[in-house]
Structure formats: C-alpha cells, structure tokens
Amino acid sequence: MASNQQEIKDFAESLRIGAKTSKNLIAAFLIWLFGLLVFLPLASSLNRQIEIICSLIIIIAVTILIFGSIQNIKRIIDKFSVFPAKKFLLPRGFQKIEAQLITKQILYILSSIIGYLFYFPFLTNLHPAINGIVLLLVILLGFFLILRISGPLLKKFGEWIN
C-alpha cells in the first residue's frame, strides 16, 4: 500500500512538473503551427533562400523551447511509466522493474518519433538528405532502446512458448 501512495505522490509531482513544462511545449507547438501554416507558405512564395532561412529560424526557436524542457519530459515519462506497466505487463508475469523498464523504453521511442514528426516538415524543407539523416538517427535510437528491453521480453517470450 505504501508503494501505491509513493507512486501517486510521484505522479502528482510529475503533474506539477508537467504544468511548468507544458508552457514551453505549447509555445513550441504554436511556433511550429504558425511556421508551418503561415510563415513557410509565405516564404515559399518569395524565394527558396527565404524559405530556408525561415525554416532554420523555426527549427532553432522550437529546439530551444523543447531542449529547455527535455529533462522534465524525461522525468514525466519516468513517473508515468508506472501506470502502463501495472496495467499491461504485471498481469502478464513481468517483474515490476522489468515492466517499468519496458514501458519507459517504449514511451521514449514514441516520444522520439513524435519529436521527429514535429521537425519533419522543416527538415524536408531544408534538404531531403538532412531529413534522412535525422530519420536514421531516430531509427538507431529506437533500435538501441529496443535492445535494452529485448532481454526481459525474450525471456518472457521463451516462458510463454514452453
């Protein structure tokens, strides 16, 4: 019962952190939205160089806001991972630490994919090769995160087969 109380306290703390972090993320989203829907179409109607400069400005502004809150996002993911672990993995026989590790890594992979999709239109606008390099980095990150959880998953999969 005490661990449930601690998990609830941790989640409440992550909600307080989330309130602070959400300001940066909302600002980044608004810059992204205006950049994608207003500034890039206007810049593309002028010429290619202005379109590239506009994309760089938007990328830098969004990056500053996101990197300012990335540590808090990681803490929120760490605290939130307890609930899906309890709901989906503990009933299937995983240990608590393994279940939390698996859900953390899956949430990290999902957040990196969302981050990539956030930058996608601006990176493509700069050059398709830059977009491809970033995509390869995201895939590599996902691969290494999947490797971290492959041990417990393969062990449990082996038990299910037998």
N, C-alpha and C. Protein backbone atom coordinates (compact mmCIF):
# COMPACT_ATOMS: atom_id res chain seq x y z
N MET A 1 0.82 -1.19 0.00
CA MET A 1 0.00 0.00 0.00
C MET A 1 0.86 1.25 0.00
N ALA A 2 2.00 1.17 0.71
CA ALA A 2 2.89 2.34 0.78
C ALA A 2 3.48 2.66 -0.58
N SER A 3 3.74 1.62 -1.39
CA SER A 3 4.31 1.90 -2.72
C SER A 3 3.28 2.58 -3.61
N ASN A 4 1.99 2.22 -3.44
CA ASN A 4 0.94 2.89 -4.21
C ASN A 4 0.86 4.36 -3.83
N GLN A 5 0.98 4.65 -2.53
CA GLN A 5 0.98 6.04 -2.06
C GLN A 5 2.14 6.81 -2.66
N GLN A 6 3.33 6.18 -2.69
CA GLN A 6 4.52 6.83 -3.25
C GLN A 6 4.36 7.05 -4.75
N GLU A 7 3.79 6.08 -5.45
CA GLU A 7 3.57 6.23 -6.88
C GLU A 7 2.59 7.35 -7.18
N ILE A 8 1.57 7.49 -6.34
CA ILE A 8 0.61 8.58 -6.53
C ILE A 8 1.28 9.92 -6.25
N LYS A 9 2.13 9.98 -5.22
CA LYS A 9 2.86 11.22 -4.93
C LYS A 9 3.80 11.57 -6.08
N ASP A 10 4.49 10.55 -6.61
CA ASP A 10 5.40 10.78 -7.75
C ASP A 10 4.64 11.28 -8.96
N PHE A 11 3.47 10.70 -9.21
CA PHE A 11 2.67 11.12 -10.35
C PHE A 11 2.16 12.55 -10.16
N ALA A 12 1.76 12.90 -8.92
CA ALA A 12 1.32 14.28 -8.64
C ALA A 12 2.47 15.26 -8.85
N GLU A 13 3.68 14.85 -8.45
CA GLU A 13 4.86 15.70 -8.68
C GLU A 13 5.11 15.87 -10.17
N SER A 14 4.95 14.79 -10.94
CA SER A 14 5.16 14.90 -12.38
C SER A 14 4.10 15.78 -13.03
N LEU A 15 2.90 15.81 -12.46
CA LEU A 15 1.88 16.72 -12.98
C LEU A 15 2.25 18.18 -12.71
N ARG A 16 2.86 18.44 -11.54
CA ARG A 16 3.33 19.80 -11.26
C ARG A 16 4.46 20.19 -12.21
N ILE A 17 5.37 19.25 -12.45
CA ILE A 17 6.44 19.49 -13.41
C ILE A 17 5.85 19.68 -14.80
N GLY A 18 4.83 18.88 -15.10
CA GLY A 18 4.18 18.96 -16.41
C GLY A 18 3.52 20.31 -16.65
N ALA A 19 3.02 20.93 -15.59
CA ALA A 19 2.41 22.25 -15.75
C ALA A 19 3.46 23.27 -16.18
N LYS A 20 4.65 23.17 -15.60
CA LYS A 20 5.73 24.09 -15.99
C LYS A 20 6.23 23.78 -17.41
N THR A 21 6.35 22.51 -17.69
CA THR A 21 6.87 22.08 -18.99
C THR A 21 5.87 22.37 -20.11
N SER A 22 4.60 22.29 -19.79
CA SER A 22 3.59 22.48 -20.83
C SER A 22 3.64 23.88 -21.43
N LYS A 23 4.07 24.87 -20.65
CA LYS A 23 4.20 26.23 -21.19
C LYS A 23 5.19 26.25 -22.35
N ASN A 24 6.35 25.62 -22.15
CA ASN A 24 7.35 25.56 -23.22
C ASN A 24 6.84 24.76 -24.40
N LEU A 25 6.18 23.65 -24.14
CA LEU A 25 5.70 22.81 -25.23
C LEU A 25 4.56 23.48 -26.01
N ILE A 26 3.70 24.21 -25.32
CA ILE A 26 2.63 24.92 -26.01
C ILE A 26 3.22 26.04 -26.87
N ALA A 27 4.22 26.74 -26.33
CA ALA A 27 4.88 27.79 -27.11
C ALA A 27 5.56 27.18 -28.34
N ALA A 28 6.23 26.05 -28.15
CA ALA A 28 6.89 25.38 -29.28
C ALA A 28 5.85 24.94 -30.32
N PHE A 29 4.73 24.42 -29.85
CA PHE A 29 3.68 23.98 -30.77
C PHE A 29 3.11 25.16 -31.55
N LEU A 30 2.90 26.30 -30.88
CA LEU A 30 2.36 27.47 -31.57
C LEU A 30 3.35 28.00 -32.61
N ILE A 31 4.63 28.02 -32.27
CA ILE A 31 5.64 28.44 -33.24
C ILE A 31 5.65 27.47 -34.42
N TRP A 32 5.58 26.18 -34.12
CA TRP A 32 5.54 25.16 -35.18
C TRP A 32 4.32 25.36 -36.07
N LEU A 33 3.17 25.59 -35.45
CA LEU A 33 1.93 25.74 -36.20
C LEU A 33 1.95 26.98 -37.08
N PHE A 34 2.35 28.12 -36.52
CA PHE A 34 2.43 29.33 -37.32
C PHE A 34 3.49 29.19 -38.40
N GLY A 35 4.60 28.56 -38.05
CA GLY A 35 5.65 28.37 -39.05
C GLY A 35 5.20 27.52 -40.20
N LEU A 36 4.51 26.44 -39.89
CA LEU A 36 4.08 25.50 -40.93
C LEU A 36 2.93 26.05 -41.77
N LEU A 37 1.99 26.73 -41.13
CA LEU A 37 0.79 27.16 -41.83
C LEU A 37 0.85 28.59 -42.38
N VAL A 38 1.73 29.42 -41.82
CA VAL A 38 1.76 30.82 -42.24
C VAL A 38 3.11 31.19 -42.85
N PHE A 39 4.18 31.05 -42.06
CA PHE A 39 5.47 31.59 -42.48
C PHE A 39 6.10 30.82 -43.65
N LEU A 40 6.05 29.49 -43.62
CA LEU A 40 6.64 28.74 -44.74
C LEU A 40 5.90 28.96 -46.06
N PRO A 41 4.58 28.95 -46.08
CA PRO A 41 3.93 29.26 -47.36
C PRO A 41 4.23 30.68 -47.86
N LEU A 42 4.30 31.64 -46.94
CA LEU A 42 4.66 32.99 -47.36
C LEU A 42 6.08 33.05 -47.88
N ALA A 43 7.00 32.39 -47.18
CA ALA A 43 8.39 32.40 -47.60
C ALA A 43 8.59 31.66 -48.91
N SER A 44 7.84 30.58 -49.12
CA SER A 44 7.98 29.84 -50.38
C SER A 44 7.44 30.64 -51.57
N SER A 45 6.52 31.55 -51.29
CA SER A 45 6.02 32.38 -52.39
C SER A 45 7.04 33.45 -52.79
N LEU A 46 7.99 33.74 -51.91
CA LEU A 46 9.01 34.75 -52.24
C LEU A 46 10.16 34.11 -53.01
N ASN A 47 10.97 33.30 -52.30
CA ASN A 47 12.03 32.55 -52.99
C ASN A 47 12.58 31.46 -52.07
N ARG A 48 13.42 30.63 -52.63
CA ARG A 48 13.94 29.46 -51.91
C ARG A 48 14.83 29.84 -50.74
N GLN A 49 15.64 30.88 -50.89
CA GLN A 49 16.56 31.26 -49.82
C GLN A 49 15.79 31.73 -48.58
N ILE A 50 14.74 32.48 -48.77
CA ILE A 50 13.94 32.95 -47.63
C ILE A 50 13.22 31.78 -46.99
N GLU A 51 12.81 30.83 -47.79
CA GLU A 51 12.16 29.63 -47.25
C GLU A 51 13.13 28.85 -46.36
N ILE A 52 14.37 28.72 -46.77
CA ILE A 52 15.37 28.01 -45.97
C ILE A 52 15.67 28.78 -44.69
N ILE A 53 15.81 30.10 -44.79
CA ILE A 53 16.08 30.91 -43.60
C ILE A 53 14.92 30.83 -42.62
N CYS A 54 13.72 30.88 -43.13
CA CYS A 54 12.53 30.77 -42.28
C CYS A 54 12.49 29.40 -41.60
N SER A 55 12.81 28.34 -42.32
CA SER A 55 12.85 27.00 -41.72
C SER A 55 13.89 26.92 -40.62
N LEU A 56 15.06 27.51 -40.86
CA LEU A 56 16.11 27.49 -39.84
C LEU A 56 15.70 28.26 -38.59
N ILE A 57 15.08 29.39 -38.77
CA ILE A 57 14.63 30.18 -37.61
C ILE A 57 13.61 29.41 -36.80
N ILE A 58 12.67 28.77 -37.48
CA ILE A 58 11.64 28.00 -36.78
C ILE A 58 12.26 26.80 -36.07
N ILE A 59 13.18 26.11 -36.74
CA ILE A 59 13.85 24.95 -36.12
C ILE A 59 14.59 25.39 -34.87
N ILE A 60 15.31 26.50 -34.95
CA ILE A 60 16.08 26.97 -33.78
C ILE A 60 15.15 27.36 -32.64
N ALA A 61 14.08 28.09 -32.93
CA ALA A 61 13.15 28.51 -31.89
C ALA A 61 12.49 27.32 -31.21
N VAL A 62 12.02 26.37 -32.01
CA VAL A 62 11.37 25.18 -31.45
C VAL A 62 12.36 24.34 -30.66
N THR A 63 13.58 24.23 -31.16
CA THR A 63 14.60 23.44 -30.46
C THR A 63 14.96 24.04 -29.12
N ILE A 64 15.09 25.34 -29.05
CA ILE A 64 15.40 26.00 -27.78
C ILE A 64 14.30 25.72 -26.75
N LEU A 65 13.07 25.82 -27.17
CA LEU A 65 11.96 25.57 -26.24
C LEU A 65 11.88 24.11 -25.82
N ILE A 66 12.08 23.20 -26.76
CA ILE A 66 11.98 21.77 -26.44
C ILE A 66 13.16 21.32 -25.58
N PHE A 67 14.37 21.73 -25.93
CA PHE A 67 15.52 21.31 -25.14
C PHE A 67 15.52 21.94 -23.75
N GLY A 68 14.83 23.06 -23.59
CA GLY A 68 14.68 23.64 -22.27
C GLY A 68 13.82 22.80 -21.34
N SER A 69 12.98 21.98 -21.91
CA SER A 69 12.08 21.18 -21.08
C SER A 69 12.29 19.67 -21.26
N ILE A 70 13.35 19.27 -21.95
CA ILE A 70 13.53 17.83 -22.23
C ILE A 70 13.81 17.03 -20.95
N GLN A 71 14.50 17.62 -19.99
CA GLN A 71 14.77 16.92 -18.74
C GLN A 71 13.47 16.67 -17.99
N ASN A 72 12.59 17.66 -18.00
CA ASN A 72 11.29 17.48 -17.34
C ASN A 72 10.42 16.47 -18.07
N ILE A 73 10.51 16.44 -19.38
CA ILE A 73 9.75 15.46 -20.15
C ILE A 73 10.22 14.05 -19.79
N LYS A 74 11.52 13.88 -19.64
CA LYS A 74 12.07 12.58 -19.25
C LYS A 74 11.56 12.18 -17.86
N ARG A 75 11.53 13.13 -16.94
CA ARG A 75 11.04 12.83 -15.60
C ARG A 75 9.56 12.47 -15.62
N ILE A 76 8.78 13.15 -16.45
CA ILE A 76 7.36 12.85 -16.56
C ILE A 76 7.16 11.45 -17.13
N ILE A 77 7.93 11.10 -18.15
CA ILE A 77 7.83 9.76 -18.74
C ILE A 77 8.22 8.71 -17.71
N ASP A 78 9.27 8.97 -16.94
CA ASP A 78 9.70 8.01 -15.91
C ASP A 78 8.61 7.78 -14.86
N LYS A 79 7.96 8.85 -14.44
CA LYS A 79 6.90 8.72 -13.43
C LYS A 79 5.63 8.10 -14.01
N PHE A 80 5.31 8.46 -15.24
CA PHE A 80 4.08 7.96 -15.86
C PHE A 80 4.19 6.48 -16.25
N SER A 81 5.40 5.99 -16.46
CA SER A 81 5.57 4.61 -16.94
C SER A 81 5.11 3.57 -15.93
N VAL A 82 4.90 3.97 -14.68
CA VAL A 82 4.44 3.02 -13.66
C VAL A 82 3.04 2.50 -13.99
N PHE A 83 2.18 3.38 -14.47
CA PHE A 83 0.78 3.00 -14.67
C PHE A 83 0.57 2.03 -15.83
N PRO A 84 1.16 2.26 -17.02
CA PRO A 84 1.00 1.23 -18.06
C PRO A 84 1.69 -0.09 -17.69
N ALA A 85 2.78 0.01 -16.93
CA ALA A 85 3.46 -1.22 -16.50
C ALA A 85 2.54 -2.05 -15.62
N LYS A 86 1.87 -1.40 -14.69
CA LYS A 86 0.95 -2.12 -13.81
C LYS A 86 -0.26 -2.66 -14.57
N LYS A 87 -0.75 -1.88 -15.50
CA LYS A 87 -1.97 -2.25 -16.21
C LYS A 87 -1.74 -3.38 -17.21
N PHE A 88 -0.62 -3.33 -17.94
CA PHE A 88 -0.45 -4.25 -19.06
C PHE A 88 0.60 -5.34 -18.84
N LEU A 89 1.66 -5.05 -18.10
CA LEU A 89 2.76 -6.02 -18.03
C LEU A 89 2.79 -6.83 -16.74
N LEU A 90 2.45 -6.24 -15.62
CA LEU A 90 2.45 -7.02 -14.37
C LEU A 90 1.46 -8.18 -14.40
N PRO A 91 0.25 -8.00 -14.96
CA PRO A 91 -0.66 -9.16 -15.03
C PRO A 91 -0.14 -10.28 -15.94
N ARG A 92 0.81 -9.98 -16.81
CA ARG A 92 1.34 -11.00 -17.71
C ARG A 92 2.60 -11.67 -17.16
N GLY A 93 2.93 -11.39 -15.89
CA GLY A 93 4.01 -12.11 -15.23
C GLY A 93 5.35 -11.41 -15.24
N PHE A 94 5.44 -10.20 -15.68
CA PHE A 94 6.70 -9.47 -15.64
C PHE A 94 6.95 -8.98 -14.22
N GLN A 95 8.22 -8.85 -13.86
CA GLN A 95 8.57 -8.25 -12.58
C GLN A 95 8.38 -6.75 -12.69
N LYS A 96 8.24 -6.09 -11.54
CA LYS A 96 7.93 -4.66 -11.53
C LYS A 96 9.02 -3.84 -12.21
N ILE A 97 10.27 -4.13 -11.93
CA ILE A 97 11.38 -3.36 -12.51
C ILE A 97 11.45 -3.57 -14.02
N GLU A 98 11.28 -4.82 -14.45
CA GLU A 98 11.29 -5.11 -15.89
C GLU A 98 10.13 -4.41 -16.59
N ALA A 99 8.95 -4.45 -15.97
CA ALA A 99 7.77 -3.84 -16.58
C ALA A 99 7.94 -2.33 -16.73
N GLN A 100 8.50 -1.70 -15.69
CA GLN A 100 8.74 -0.26 -15.78
C GLN A 100 9.80 0.07 -16.82
N LEU A 101 10.84 -0.75 -16.91
CA LEU A 101 11.88 -0.53 -17.92
C LEU A 101 11.29 -0.63 -19.32
N ILE A 102 10.47 -1.64 -19.54
CA ILE A 102 9.87 -1.84 -20.86
C ILE A 102 8.97 -0.66 -21.22
N THR A 103 8.11 -0.24 -20.30
CA THR A 103 7.21 0.87 -20.63
C THR A 103 7.97 2.18 -20.80
N LYS A 104 9.03 2.40 -20.00
CA LYS A 104 9.85 3.61 -20.17
C LYS A 104 10.46 3.64 -21.57
N GLN A 105 11.04 2.53 -21.98
CA GLN A 105 11.71 2.50 -23.28
C GLN A 105 10.70 2.68 -24.41
N ILE A 106 9.54 2.08 -24.28
CA ILE A 106 8.51 2.24 -25.31
C ILE A 106 8.05 3.70 -25.37
N LEU A 107 7.87 4.33 -24.21
CA LEU A 107 7.48 5.74 -24.20
C LEU A 107 8.59 6.63 -24.74
N TYR A 108 9.85 6.28 -24.50
CA TYR A 108 10.97 7.04 -25.08
C TYR A 108 10.96 6.92 -26.60
N ILE A 109 10.71 5.72 -27.09
CA ILE A 109 10.66 5.52 -28.55
C ILE A 109 9.51 6.34 -29.15
N LEU A 110 8.34 6.28 -28.52
CA LEU A 110 7.20 7.05 -29.02
C LEU A 110 7.47 8.55 -28.98
N SER A 111 8.10 9.03 -27.92
CA SER A 111 8.38 10.47 -27.85
C SER A 111 9.44 10.89 -28.86
N SER A 112 10.40 10.02 -29.16
CA SER A 112 11.39 10.38 -30.19
C SER A 112 10.74 10.40 -31.57
N ILE A 113 9.80 9.49 -31.82
CA ILE A 113 9.08 9.51 -33.11
C ILE A 113 8.22 10.76 -33.22
N ILE A 114 7.55 11.14 -32.14
CA ILE A 114 6.75 12.36 -32.15
C ILE A 114 7.65 13.58 -32.37
N GLY A 115 8.81 13.59 -31.72
CA GLY A 115 9.76 14.69 -31.92
C GLY A 115 10.23 14.77 -33.35
N TYR A 116 10.51 13.62 -33.95
CA TYR A 116 10.93 13.61 -35.35
C TYR A 116 9.82 14.15 -36.25
N LEU A 117 8.60 13.70 -36.02
CA LEU A 117 7.48 14.17 -36.83
C LEU A 117 7.23 15.66 -36.65
N PHE A 118 7.59 16.17 -35.48
CA PHE A 118 7.48 17.60 -35.21
C PHE A 118 8.43 18.40 -36.10
N TYR A 119 9.64 17.87 -36.30
CA TYR A 119 10.65 18.56 -37.11
C TYR A 119 10.57 18.22 -38.60
N PHE A 120 9.85 17.17 -38.94
CA PHE A 120 9.83 16.66 -40.30
C PHE A 120 9.58 17.71 -41.39
N PRO A 121 8.53 18.54 -41.29
CA PRO A 121 8.28 19.47 -42.41
C PRO A 121 9.40 20.49 -42.60
N PHE A 122 10.05 20.88 -41.53
CA PHE A 122 11.10 21.89 -41.64
C PHE A 122 12.41 21.27 -42.13
N LEU A 123 12.69 20.05 -41.70
CA LEU A 123 13.89 19.37 -42.18
C LEU A 123 13.78 19.03 -43.66
N THR A 124 12.61 18.61 -44.09
CA THR A 124 12.39 18.33 -45.50
C THR A 124 12.54 19.59 -46.33
N ASN A 125 12.11 20.69 -45.77
CA ASN A 125 12.21 21.96 -46.46
C ASN A 125 13.67 22.39 -46.63
N LEU A 126 14.50 22.07 -45.65
CA LEU A 126 15.93 22.40 -45.78
C LEU A 126 16.57 21.57 -46.88
N HIS A 127 16.52 20.24 -46.69
CA HIS A 127 17.06 19.32 -47.69
C HIS A 127 16.61 17.91 -47.33
N PRO A 128 16.22 17.12 -48.31
CA PRO A 128 15.78 15.75 -48.00
C PRO A 128 16.86 14.89 -47.34
N ALA A 129 18.12 15.17 -47.64
CA ALA A 129 19.20 14.39 -47.03
C ALA A 129 19.30 14.64 -45.53
N ILE A 130 19.09 15.88 -45.12
CA ILE A 130 19.12 16.19 -43.68
C ILE A 130 17.98 15.46 -42.98
N ASN A 131 16.83 15.45 -43.60
CA ASN A 131 15.69 14.72 -43.05
C ASN A 131 16.01 13.23 -42.95
N GLY A 132 16.66 12.68 -43.96
CA GLY A 132 17.03 11.27 -43.94
C GLY A 132 18.03 10.95 -42.85
N ILE A 133 18.98 11.85 -42.63
CA ILE A 133 19.97 11.63 -41.56
C ILE A 133 19.30 11.62 -40.20
N VAL A 134 18.41 12.57 -39.98
CA VAL A 134 17.70 12.62 -38.70
C VAL A 134 16.81 11.39 -38.53
N LEU A 135 16.17 10.95 -39.60
CA LEU A 135 15.35 9.73 -39.53
C LEU A 135 16.21 8.53 -39.17
N LEU A 136 17.39 8.42 -39.77
CA LEU A 136 18.29 7.32 -39.43
C LEU A 136 18.72 7.37 -37.97
N LEU A 137 18.96 8.57 -37.45
CA LEU A 137 19.32 8.72 -36.04
C LEU A 137 18.17 8.29 -35.12
N VAL A 138 16.95 8.64 -35.48
CA VAL A 138 15.78 8.24 -34.69
C VAL A 138 15.61 6.73 -34.75
N ILE A 139 15.80 6.14 -35.92
CA ILE A 139 15.70 4.68 -36.04
C ILE A 139 16.79 4.00 -35.23
N LEU A 140 18.00 4.54 -35.25
CA LEU A 140 19.11 3.99 -34.47
C LEU A 140 18.82 4.09 -32.97
N LEU A 141 18.30 5.24 -32.54
CA LEU A 141 17.93 5.40 -31.13
C LEU A 141 16.87 4.38 -30.75
N GLY A 142 15.85 4.22 -31.59
CA GLY A 142 14.82 3.23 -31.32
C GLY A 142 15.37 1.82 -31.26
N PHE A 143 16.32 1.50 -32.14
CA PHE A 143 16.94 0.18 -32.14
C PHE A 143 17.67 -0.08 -30.83
N PHE A 144 18.44 0.90 -30.35
CA PHE A 144 19.17 0.71 -29.10
C PHE A 144 18.24 0.65 -27.90
N LEU A 145 17.15 1.39 -27.94
CA LEU A 145 16.18 1.31 -26.86
C LEU A 145 15.47 -0.04 -26.87
N ILE A 146 15.20 -0.58 -28.04
CA ILE A 146 14.60 -1.91 -28.13
C ILE A 146 15.58 -2.98 -27.64
N LEU A 147 16.87 -2.79 -27.91
CA LEU A 147 17.86 -3.74 -27.41
C LEU A 147 17.87 -3.79 -25.88
N ARG A 148 17.64 -2.65 -25.25
CA ARG A 148 17.63 -2.61 -23.78
C ARG A 148 16.49 -3.44 -23.20
N ILE A 149 15.38 -3.54 -23.91
CA ILE A 149 14.24 -4.29 -23.37
C ILE A 149 14.12 -5.69 -23.97
N SER A 150 15.02 -6.03 -24.88
CA SER A 150 14.91 -7.34 -25.53
C SER A 150 15.18 -8.49 -24.57
N GLY A 151 16.04 -8.29 -23.58
CA GLY A 151 16.34 -9.35 -22.63
C GLY A 151 15.11 -9.83 -21.88
N PRO A 152 14.44 -8.92 -21.15
CA PRO A 152 13.23 -9.35 -20.43
C PRO A 152 12.12 -9.85 -21.36
N LEU A 153 11.98 -9.23 -22.53
CA LEU A 153 10.93 -9.66 -23.45
C LEU A 153 11.21 -11.05 -24.00
N LEU A 154 12.45 -11.30 -24.39
CA LEU A 154 12.78 -12.63 -24.94
C LEU A 154 12.69 -13.71 -23.87
N LYS A 155 13.08 -13.36 -22.63
CA LYS A 155 12.97 -14.33 -21.54
C LYS A 155 11.51 -14.70 -21.30
N LYS A 156 10.65 -13.70 -21.28
CA LYS A 156 9.22 -13.96 -21.05
C LYS A 156 8.60 -14.67 -22.26
N PHE A 157 9.04 -14.31 -23.46
CA PHE A 157 8.55 -14.98 -24.66
C PHE A 157 8.93 -16.46 -24.64
N GLY A 158 10.15 -16.76 -24.19
CA GLY A 158 10.58 -18.16 -24.06
C GLY A 158 9.73 -18.93 -23.08
N GLU A 159 9.35 -18.27 -21.98
CA GLU A 159 8.48 -18.93 -20.99
C GLU A 159 7.09 -19.17 -21.58
N TRP A 160 6.59 -18.25 -22.37
CA TRP A 160 5.26 -18.40 -22.96
C TRP A 160 5.23 -19.53 -23.97
N ILE A 161 6.35 -19.72 -24.70
CA ILE A 161 6.41 -20.79 -25.71
C ILE A 161 6.41 -22.16 -25.03
N ASN A 162 7.15 -22.27 -23.94
CA ASN A 162 7.24 -23.56 -23.23
C ASN A 162 6.00 -23.75 -22.46
